[in-house]
Amino acid sequence: MPVRKQRNRVLRELAASKNLEFRRRMLGRSLSAVTLHEPGIALTGNYLKIELSAWQPANIVVQCTIKGLSSTGLIEQDRPTA
């Protein structure tokens, strides 16, 4: 039993490390995403959640430039004001 728990822990750590590295590669990129019903959140084609800098209505496609990482996703760069 302890070996199984150790292997599971190693696999979870590896998955978290790979996920973080993948999200880091998105920094500075412009990604297309669809806004969700959850306010201020959009989802990319590769299932990364983006915290939007400004509210957008649900179910529209937006272009987001990524400025940072959240604990589980990405953070959009502030949009220019008109």
Protein backbone atom coordinates (compact mmCIF):
# COMPACT_ATOMS: atom_id res chain seq x y z
CA MET A 1 0.00 0.00 0.00
CA PRO A 2 2.69 2.62 0.80
CA VAL A 3 4.33 2.04 -2.62
CA ARG A 4 1.07 2.79 -4.39
CA LYS A 5 0.60 6.02 -2.45
CA GLN A 6 4.15 7.09 -3.22
CA ARG A 7 3.73 6.38 -6.94
CA ASN A 8 0.44 8.31 -6.99
CA ARG A 9 2.12 11.26 -5.25
CA VAL A 10 4.99 11.24 -7.76
CA LEU A 11 2.54 11.14 -10.69
CA ARG A 12 0.43 14.01 -9.25
CA GLU A 13 3.59 16.10 -8.75
CA LEU A 14 4.74 15.36 -12.30
CA ALA A 15 1.32 16.28 -13.72
CA ALA A 16 1.29 19.56 -11.74
CA SER A 17 4.81 20.40 -12.92
CA LYS A 18 3.97 19.69 -16.58
CA ASN A 19 0.75 21.74 -16.31
CA LEU A 20 2.62 24.71 -14.82
CA GLU A 21 5.30 24.58 -17.54
CA PHE A 22 2.63 24.39 -20.26
CA ARG A 23 0.83 27.43 -18.82
CA ARG A 24 4.13 29.35 -18.57
CA ARG A 25 4.63 28.86 -22.32
CA MET A 26 1.40 30.83 -22.88
CA LEU A 27 2.80 34.03 -21.30
CA GLY A 28 2.80 36.88 -23.82
CA ARG A 29 0.74 34.96 -26.36
CA SER A 30 -2.57 36.01 -27.80
CA LEU A 31 -5.13 33.24 -27.41
CA SER A 32 -8.66 32.86 -28.69
CA ALA A 33 -11.16 31.85 -26.02
CA VAL A 34 -14.90 31.58 -25.50
CA THR A 35 -16.43 33.35 -22.53
CA LEU A 36 -18.28 31.24 -19.98
CA HIS A 37 -21.40 31.87 -17.92
CA GLU A 38 -19.02 32.07 -14.95
CA PRO A 39 -18.36 35.85 -14.80
CA GLY A 40 -14.90 36.99 -15.88
CA ILE A 41 -13.75 33.58 -17.15
CA ALA A 42 -13.04 32.32 -20.66
CA LEU A 43 -11.90 28.91 -21.92
CA THR A 44 -9.29 28.35 -24.64
CA GLY A 45 -9.38 25.63 -27.26
CA ASN A 46 -6.90 23.61 -25.19
CA TYR A 47 -9.09 23.91 -22.06
CA LEU A 48 -7.12 26.56 -20.18
CA LYS A 49 -9.21 28.95 -18.09
CA ILE A 50 -8.40 32.63 -18.47
CA GLU A 51 -9.29 35.25 -15.88
CA LEU A 52 -10.49 38.17 -18.00
CA SER A 53 -9.45 41.75 -17.22
CA ALA A 54 -12.95 43.06 -18.01
CA TRP A 55 -16.42 41.53 -17.92
CA GLN A 56 -17.65 40.07 -21.21
CA PRO A 57 -21.03 38.50 -22.00
CA ALA A 58 -21.19 34.70 -22.11
CA ASN A 59 -20.70 32.66 -25.28
CA ILE A 60 -18.60 35.07 -27.33
CA VAL A 61 -15.13 34.53 -28.74
CA VAL A 62 -12.47 36.92 -27.43
CA GLN A 63 -8.77 37.41 -28.15
CA CYS A 64 -6.77 37.50 -24.92
CA THR A 65 -3.13 38.43 -24.42
CA ILE A 66 -1.76 36.48 -21.47
CA LYS A 67 0.12 38.44 -18.80
CA GLY A 68 0.30 35.99 -15.92
CA LEU A 69 -0.57 32.72 -14.26
CA SER A 70 -3.25 32.03 -11.68
CA SER A 71 -3.21 29.00 -9.41
CA THR A 72 -4.97 26.89 -12.04
CA GLY A 73 -5.08 28.94 -15.24
CA LEU A 74 -4.06 32.16 -16.94
CA ILE A 75 -4.57 35.90 -16.41
CA GLU A 76 -5.40 38.26 -19.26
CA GLN A 77 -3.46 41.47 -19.82
CA ASP A 78 -5.56 44.60 -19.21
CA ARG A 79 -7.54 45.60 -22.29
CA PRO A 80 -7.00 49.11 -23.67
CA THR A 81 -9.81 51.49 -22.85
CA ALA A 82 -11.58 53.23 -25.70
